Structure formats: structure tokens, C-alpha cells
Protein backbone atom coordinates (compact mmCIF):
# COMPACT_ATOMS: atom_id res chain seq x y z
CA CYS A 1 70.29 154.52 9.61
CA LEU A 2 67.85 152.62 11.45
CA GLU A 3 66.39 155.95 12.73
CA LEU A 4 65.83 156.86 9.12
CA GLN A 5 64.84 153.34 8.19
CA PRO A 6 63.46 151.23 10.99
CA ASN A 7 62.69 148.39 8.53
CA ASN A 8 66.13 148.11 7.16
CA LEU A 9 66.58 144.31 7.68
CA LYS A 10 70.10 144.22 6.60
CA ALA A 11 71.20 146.87 9.15
CA LEU A 12 69.21 145.20 12.00
CA MET A 13 70.97 141.87 11.55
CA ALA A 14 74.35 143.84 11.24
CA LEU A 15 73.47 145.58 14.29
CA ALA A 16 72.59 142.16 16.19
CA VAL A 17 75.99 140.75 15.11
CA SER A 18 77.78 143.94 16.26
CA TYR A 19 76.04 143.87 19.64
CA THR A 20 77.11 140.11 19.99
CA ASN A 21 80.65 141.07 19.26
CA THR A 22 80.75 143.84 21.76
CA GLY A 23 79.05 141.79 24.52
CA HIS A 24 75.83 143.56 24.42
CA GLN A 25 73.57 140.33 24.66
CA GLN A 26 70.34 142.18 25.40
CA ASP A 27 70.49 144.70 22.76
CA ALA A 28 71.51 141.80 20.09
CA CYS A 29 68.37 139.79 21.28
CA GLU A 30 66.31 142.86 20.88
CA ALA A 31 67.59 143.64 17.24
CA LEU A 32 67.02 140.07 16.37
CA LYS A 33 63.53 140.34 17.31
CA ASN A 34 63.19 143.57 15.66
CA TRP A 35 64.34 142.03 12.39
CA ILE A 36 61.54 139.43 12.46
CA ARG A 37 59.21 142.20 13.46
CA GLN A 38 60.07 144.36 10.41
CA ASN A 39 60.18 141.37 8.12
CA PRO A 40 57.15 141.20 5.61
CA LYS A 41 57.70 137.60 5.63
CA TYR A 42 57.78 136.71 9.24
CA LYS A 43 56.20 139.76 11.23
CA TYR A 44 52.91 137.89 11.67
CA LEU A 45 54.83 135.66 14.10
CA VAL A 46 55.21 138.44 16.69
CA LYS A 47 52.64 139.15 19.00
CA SER A 48 52.24 142.56 19.75
CA LYS A 49 53.14 143.59 23.62
CA LYS A 50 52.62 146.91 25.05
CA GLY A 51 55.73 148.40 26.46
CA SER A 52 58.08 146.31 24.44
CA PRO A 53 61.38 147.73 24.69
CA GLY A 54 62.95 149.39 21.64
CA LEU A 55 66.40 149.97 20.29
CA THR A 56 66.60 153.56 21.64
CA ARG A 57 67.11 152.56 25.24
CA ARG A 58 70.73 152.76 26.72
CA MET A 59 73.05 149.87 25.93
CA SER A 60 73.74 147.22 28.72
CA LYS A 61 76.34 144.72 28.81
CA SER A 62 74.31 142.73 31.14
CA PRO A 63 73.53 139.03 30.31
CA VAL A 64 70.33 138.65 28.46
CA ASP A 65 67.23 137.30 30.32
CA SER A 66 66.77 133.63 29.44
CA SER A 67 63.15 133.86 28.91
CA VAL A 68 63.65 136.83 26.45
CA LEU A 69 66.36 134.82 24.70
CA GLU A 70 64.13 131.61 24.37
CA GLY A 71 61.36 133.87 23.26
CA VAL A 72 63.24 135.41 20.42
CA LYS A 73 64.62 131.87 19.61
CA GLU A 74 61.17 130.42 19.48
CA LEU A 75 60.26 133.05 16.62
CA TYR A 76 63.14 132.01 14.67
CA LEU A 77 62.59 128.36 15.00
CA GLU A 78 59.04 128.71 14.11
CA ALA A 79 59.90 130.97 11.06
CA ALA A 80 62.54 128.21 9.81
CA HIS A 81 59.79 125.56 10.37
CA GLN A 82 57.39 127.69 8.14
CA ASN A 83 60.02 127.62 5.39
CA GLY A 84 60.14 123.85 5.12
CA ASP A 85 63.00 122.90 2.80
CA MET A 86 63.84 126.36 1.63
CA ILE A 87 66.81 127.78 3.50
CA ASP A 88 66.58 131.59 4.25
CA PRO A 89 70.39 132.39 4.98
CA ASP A 90 69.47 135.71 6.89
CA LEU A 91 67.10 133.93 9.38
CA GLN A 92 69.59 131.00 9.73
CA THR A 93 72.24 133.83 10.56
CA GLY A 94 69.91 135.12 13.01
CA LEU A 95 69.27 131.80 14.51
CA GLY A 96 73.07 131.07 14.57
CA VAL A 97 73.57 134.23 16.74
CA LEU A 98 70.71 133.46 19.20
CA PHE A 99 72.26 129.91 19.72
CA HIS A 100 75.63 131.44 20.07
CA LEU A 101 74.13 133.55 22.62
CA SER A 102 72.60 130.68 24.67
CA GLY A 103 76.01 128.66 24.53
CA GLU A 104 74.62 126.14 22.10
CA PHE A 105 77.47 126.11 19.99
CA ASN A 106 76.99 123.02 17.88
CA ARG A 107 73.34 124.31 16.99
CA ALA A 108 74.85 127.82 15.93
CA ILE A 109 77.21 125.91 13.82
CA ASP A 110 74.72 124.07 12.11
CA ALA A 111 72.73 127.24 11.32
CA PHE A 112 75.75 129.03 10.07
CA ASN A 113 76.60 126.10 7.81
CA ALA A 114 72.90 125.98 6.66
CA ALA A 115 73.34 129.74 5.51
CA LEU A 116 76.51 129.05 3.91
CA THR A 117 74.90 126.44 1.73
CA VAL A 118 73.20 129.52 0.15
CA ARG A 119 76.03 132.05 0.40
CA PRO A 120 79.29 130.03 0.12
CA GLU A 121 81.11 133.28 -0.62
CA ASP A 122 79.94 135.32 2.25
CA TYR A 123 83.22 135.75 4.12
CA SER A 124 81.61 137.25 7.24
CA LEU A 125 79.34 134.18 7.68
CA TRP A 126 82.77 132.02 7.35
CA ASN A 127 84.14 134.22 10.23
CA ARG A 128 80.97 134.07 12.27
CA LEU A 129 81.30 130.16 11.96
CA GLY A 130 84.88 130.38 12.88
CA ALA A 131 84.13 132.26 16.03
CA THR A 132 81.28 129.82 16.98
CA LEU A 133 83.69 126.77 16.33
CA ALA A 134 86.39 128.57 18.54
CA ASN A 135 83.89 129.12 21.39
CA GLY A 136 83.13 125.39 20.96
CA ASP A 137 86.77 124.30 21.61
CA ARG A 138 87.18 123.45 17.95
CA SER A 139 90.12 125.52 17.19
CA GLU A 140 91.40 123.44 14.06
CA GLU A 141 88.12 123.87 12.22
CA ALA A 142 87.88 127.31 13.17
CA VAL A 143 91.24 128.01 11.54
CA GLU A 144 89.75 126.37 8.46
CA ALA A 145 86.91 128.69 8.53
CA TYR A 146 88.81 131.84 9.22
CA THR A 147 91.12 130.69 6.29
CA ARG A 148 88.26 130.54 3.96
CA ALA A 149 86.89 133.80 4.97
CA LEU A 150 90.49 135.44 4.21
CA GLU A 151 90.64 133.62 0.82
CA ILE A 152 87.48 135.43 0.07
CA GLN A 153 88.29 138.89 1.57
CA PRO A 154 92.22 139.00 2.32
CA GLY A 155 91.65 142.43 4.22
CA PHE A 156 89.20 141.34 6.61
CA ILE A 157 90.99 142.21 9.72
CA ARG A 158 88.63 140.81 12.14
CA SER A 159 89.00 137.55 10.71
CA ARG A 160 92.71 137.69 10.61
CA TYR A 161 92.73 138.64 14.34
CA ASN A 162 90.53 135.80 15.06
CA LEU A 163 92.70 133.38 13.09
CA GLY A 164 95.64 134.72 15.29
CA ILE A 165 93.67 133.92 18.46
CA SER A 166 92.97 130.35 17.25
CA CYS A 167 96.54 129.92 16.47
CA ILE A 168 97.64 130.66 19.98
CA ASN A 169 94.93 128.14 21.18
CA LEU A 170 96.79 125.38 19.05
CA GLY A 171 100.16 126.36 20.26
CA ALA A 172 101.31 127.95 16.87
CA TYR A 173 102.62 131.01 18.26
CA ARG A 174 104.64 132.11 15.22
CA GLU A 175 101.71 131.79 13.01
CA ALA A 176 99.52 133.80 15.56
CA VAL A 177 102.29 136.52 15.73
CA SER A 178 102.31 136.55 11.73
CA ASN A 179 98.42 137.16 11.68
CA PHE A 180 98.33 139.67 14.25
CA LEU A 181 101.27 141.68 12.58
CA THR A 182 99.25 141.43 8.95
CA ALA A 183 96.08 142.80 10.74
CA LEU A 184 98.09 145.63 12.23
CA SER A 185 99.75 146.44 8.85
CA LEU A 186 96.21 146.44 7.25
CA GLN A 187 94.99 148.80 9.74
CA ARG A 188 97.88 151.23 9.19
CA LYS A 189 97.40 151.03 5.39
CA SER A 190 93.61 151.83 6.11
CA ARG A 191 94.43 154.65 8.40
CA ASN A 192 96.80 156.21 5.67
CA GLN A 193 93.70 155.75 3.29
CA GLN A 194 91.82 157.78 5.68
CA GLN A 195 89.75 154.69 6.61
CA VAL A 196 89.80 154.99 10.57
CA PRO A 197 90.20 151.69 12.31
CA HIS A 198 88.25 150.79 15.47
CA PRO A 199 90.33 151.54 18.32
CA ALA A 200 89.15 148.61 20.47
CA ILE A 201 90.08 146.22 17.81
CA SER A 202 93.55 147.73 17.37
CA GLY A 203 94.01 147.47 20.91
CA ASN A 204 92.88 144.03 21.20
CA ILE A 205 95.49 143.09 18.34
CA TRP A 206 98.28 144.51 20.10
CA ALA A 207 97.33 142.88 23.28
CA ALA A 208 97.03 139.54 21.64
CA LEU A 209 100.41 140.24 20.02
CA ARG A 210 102.08 140.64 23.20
CA ILE A 211 100.76 137.41 24.61
CA ALA A 212 101.85 135.33 21.50
CA LEU A 213 105.51 137.02 21.77
CA SER A 214 105.66 136.20 25.53
CA LEU A 215 104.63 132.70 24.81
CA MET A 216 107.69 132.60 22.12
CA ASP A 217 110.18 133.94 24.98
CA GLN A 218 111.16 136.86 22.70
CA PRO A 219 111.84 139.71 25.26
CA GLU A 220 113.35 141.96 22.63
CA LEU A 221 110.33 141.65 20.16
CA PHE A 222 108.12 141.81 23.44
CA GLN A 223 109.40 145.29 24.06
CA ALA A 224 109.17 146.36 20.50
CA ALA A 225 105.38 145.48 20.85
CA ASN A 226 105.11 147.57 24.07
CA LEU A 227 106.50 150.40 22.18
CA GLY A 228 104.27 149.93 19.42
CA ASP A 229 107.10 149.74 16.80
CA LEU A 230 105.38 147.89 14.07
CA ASP A 231 108.02 148.24 11.45
CA VAL A 232 110.82 146.49 13.70
CA LEU A 233 108.26 143.56 14.22
CA LEU A 234 107.41 143.40 10.66
CA ARG A 235 111.14 143.05 9.60
CA ALA A 236 111.61 140.57 12.38
CA PHE A 237 109.21 138.05 10.80
CA ASN A 238 109.92 138.96 7.37
CA LEU A 239 106.73 140.41 6.46
CA ASP A 240 105.99 143.30 4.13
CA PRO A 241 105.10 146.74 5.61
């Protein structure tokens, strides 16, 4: 998509979020810089630099260089300053991702909340807010954000999984299991409709489910999870297949 349309701003922002989710911090930072560089409204802020790395290089999970991160963050803060009282939700989303990358979770939360004032029905934004709240040890608030995302988009599997993780952190193991099983059931339905789920996400859900079941001291159900017997588990928790 980006090879065909390098100025596709929506794709660049989605790519930055995806890189963040998979731990590719350097690539996330570069995608966010390219978003500014390709944005007609903000591109004047980017000073042209020879040899600036592009998105075609090999992905790396190495931590982003702090000076690079700070440089991109300054671009976004300057753009936000130029906007004055006008909130650009995409810019605030990018700023939230940058603050998340630098571990400034409270500032990231403020940025995502600002974006949500303009896009209150954006379920992906609610999910990002929830993830940032969770990383900032605010699990109860994270549950509220994930729940809002699922009210808007009940089939959002990543948010369902994230909600389960927050439930584990709060000691609500049965609720965690219920959310993981619902996510796995949704994945199976997607597969039956020839919508291939991401295998890494599926593996993460099963792993988290086994943790929750072990914390509930349910050896029989833990064994069912080891065998991948979703139907047995759904029946045990009175959930629809």
C-alpha cells in the first residue's frame, strides 16, 4: 500500500501503531516521522536530511535511539503548538504513540483523550488508550476504555484480549477466561468465514488463557486449553460457541 502510495497518511499511522504493537520501536518512529514528512499541513517542519533512513530497510526490534525519538516527538509537539486550540486527532494519536514509546504514559493518555474528544466513536483509539492506561498501572481505567471499545465494535479481538489481560492484573480470573474464550470463539468464526486471523495473536490468547486457568486452579480445564479444545472450555463457562 505504501509502496504504491507513499503519501498515504492513514496507512502510515496504522503502520506506526502496528510496529509499536509488535515491538518494532525504531520502525514505528520512522513511520511517524514519515507521516509528518508526507502531510501537506506539517511537512514544512521536517528539515531535509541526507541519508535519512526509509521504511524499506529491514525491521528491527532494537529499542529506538533516544535522540531519534526526541527529534520526532519535537516535530509533533511543534505541529500541535502550531494548531493552537484546534485538535488534530491524527496528530494527537501519533503523539500518544510517541509518548507511549518513551514510557511517558500519562502524557500519552492525555494525547489519546484529546483525540477522542474529536473521535469519540473510534474504537481503535479507545483500545490504544486502554493499553496505555494498563502500561501505566491503571488497570481499572483500562478496563473501562476496553469496554468502551467493545461497545462500539464487539468483534474487536485485540481489545477483547487486552481486556482479559487487565482482568488478570485485577485478580478477576473468571472474567479474564471469559474474555479470552470469547476472543478465540470470534477468531474461529472469522476463520470459518475465510478471514484468516493473525497466528501470533491467537497464540497469545491461548497462552494468556492457560495462565488465567492455572490461577483459578482448574487442572482439567487447563488440560483442555493445552489440547486446544475450545468447545469444552466454552461449555464449562456457559459461553456460546
